[in-house]
Amino acid sequence: MNRFIGLLRSGQYKTHREVSFYASQLCITPKYLTEVSKKVSGFHANFWIDRFTITEITRLLSDKTLTLKEISERMNFASVSYFCRYVMRILKVTPSAYRSSRCEC
């Protein structure tokens, strides 16, 4: 689990959001990585990948000088549309709605 989190901390989530990638890096099966993650942390491996990814996305969204296209490219999404669907799935709001709801205190 520590090695898995280490891969995420190194920024791998910016280009790889599949459990199979991390399992391959750790020389284990995706199923085993998910089982270990669930047992150790209480959450599946996908949760951790999504958590690191969405933390970075929300940080980037707070920088209003960046366009959605620039953010989606930095995070290696195939398209802005796919990026928006990913954010909507996790945050339950569009990137634009998230950005406009942020307080500028």
Protein backbone atom coordinates (compact mmCIF):
# COMPACT_ATOMS: atom_id res chain seq x y z
CA MET A 1 0.00 0.00 0.00
CA ASN A 2 2.86 2.38 0.80
CA ARG A 3 4.43 1.79 -2.61
CA PHE A 4 1.06 2.38 -4.29
CA ILE A 5 0.57 5.68 -2.46
CA GLY A 6 4.18 6.57 -3.29
CA LEU A 7 3.43 6.18 -6.99
CA LEU A 8 0.43 8.46 -6.60
CA ARG A 9 2.43 11.03 -4.63
CA SER A 10 5.05 11.06 -7.40
CA GLY A 11 2.37 12.42 -9.74
CA GLN A 12 1.64 9.27 -11.74
CA TYR A 13 -2.11 10.01 -11.42
CA LYS A 14 -1.67 12.88 -13.89
CA THR A 15 -1.08 10.41 -16.69
CA HIS A 16 -2.39 7.11 -15.33
CA ARG A 17 -5.80 6.62 -13.75
CA GLU A 18 -6.13 2.86 -14.17
CA VAL A 19 -5.64 0.36 -11.34
CA SER A 20 -3.98 -1.97 -13.86
CA PHE A 21 -1.12 0.52 -14.40
CA TYR A 22 -0.29 0.68 -10.69
CA ALA A 23 -0.65 -3.06 -10.26
CA SER A 24 1.77 -3.57 -13.14
CA GLN A 25 4.27 -1.16 -11.57
CA LEU A 26 4.04 -3.12 -8.32
CA CYS A 27 4.20 -6.53 -10.05
CA ILE A 28 0.83 -7.62 -8.69
CA THR A 29 -2.64 -8.09 -10.17
CA PRO A 30 -5.21 -5.28 -10.21
CA LYS A 31 -7.53 -7.46 -8.13
CA TYR A 32 -4.86 -7.98 -5.47
CA LEU A 33 -4.03 -4.25 -5.36
CA THR A 34 -7.70 -3.45 -4.85
CA GLU A 35 -8.01 -6.11 -2.12
CA VAL A 36 -4.93 -4.83 -0.27
CA SER A 37 -6.07 -1.24 -0.57
CA LYS A 38 -9.53 -2.09 0.76
CA LYS A 39 -8.11 -4.13 3.64
CA VAL A 40 -5.47 -1.57 4.68
CA SER A 41 -7.33 1.70 4.10
CA GLY A 42 -10.98 0.76 3.86
CA PHE A 43 -11.10 2.13 0.31
CA HIS A 44 -10.59 0.54 -3.11
CA ALA A 45 -7.55 1.50 -5.19
CA ASN A 46 -9.75 3.55 -7.56
CA PHE A 47 -10.74 5.75 -4.63
CA TRP A 48 -7.11 6.73 -4.04
CA ILE A 49 -6.42 7.36 -7.71
CA ASP A 50 -9.53 9.55 -7.95
CA ARG A 51 -8.71 11.34 -4.70
CA PHE A 52 -5.22 12.36 -5.84
CA THR A 53 -6.56 13.31 -9.28
CA ILE A 54 -9.48 15.41 -8.07
CA THR A 55 -7.32 17.16 -5.45
CA GLU A 56 -5.01 18.34 -8.23
CA ILE A 57 -7.92 19.24 -10.51
CA THR A 58 -9.59 21.38 -7.83
CA ARG A 59 -6.26 23.10 -7.18
CA LEU A 60 -5.92 23.85 -10.90
CA LEU A 61 -9.54 25.01 -11.16
CA SER A 62 -8.88 27.59 -8.46
CA ASP A 63 -6.38 29.22 -10.85
CA LYS A 64 -8.79 31.17 -13.03
CA THR A 65 -6.04 32.04 -15.50
CA LEU A 66 -6.08 28.42 -16.70
CA THR A 67 -8.71 27.38 -19.21
CA LEU A 68 -10.54 24.06 -18.90
CA LYS A 69 -8.66 22.93 -22.00
CA GLU A 70 -5.31 23.72 -20.38
CA ILE A 71 -6.28 21.87 -17.21
CA SER A 72 -7.53 18.85 -19.13
CA GLU A 73 -4.27 18.77 -21.11
CA ARG A 74 -2.13 19.07 -17.94
CA MET A 75 -4.07 16.16 -16.46
CA ASN A 76 -3.71 14.14 -19.68
CA PHE A 77 -7.42 13.75 -20.46
CA ALA A 78 -8.21 12.77 -24.05
CA SER A 79 -10.60 15.72 -24.43
CA VAL A 80 -12.20 18.56 -22.51
CA SER A 81 -15.47 16.67 -22.76
CA TYR A 82 -14.01 13.60 -21.04
CA PHE A 83 -12.39 15.86 -18.41
CA CYS A 84 -15.77 17.51 -17.70
CA ARG A 85 -17.50 14.13 -17.38
CA TYR A 86 -14.79 12.93 -14.96
CA VAL A 87 -15.17 16.04 -12.76
CA MET A 88 -18.96 15.74 -12.88
CA ARG A 89 -18.77 12.09 -11.78
CA ILE A 90 -16.56 12.88 -8.79
CA LEU A 91 -17.68 16.35 -7.69
CA LYS A 92 -21.30 16.16 -8.92
CA VAL A 93 -20.89 19.57 -10.59
CA THR A 94 -19.30 20.72 -13.84
CA PRO A 95 -15.80 22.23 -13.70
CA SER A 96 -17.27 25.64 -14.60
CA ALA A 97 -19.89 25.40 -11.84
CA TYR A 98 -17.24 24.31 -9.33
CA ARG A 99 -15.02 27.20 -10.37
CA SER A 100 -17.81 29.79 -10.09
CA SER A 101 -18.92 28.48 -6.68
CA ARG A 102 -15.50 28.98 -5.12
CA CYS A 103 -15.31 31.89 -2.70
CA GLU A 104 -12.67 34.49 -3.52
CA CYS A 105 -11.97 35.38 0.09
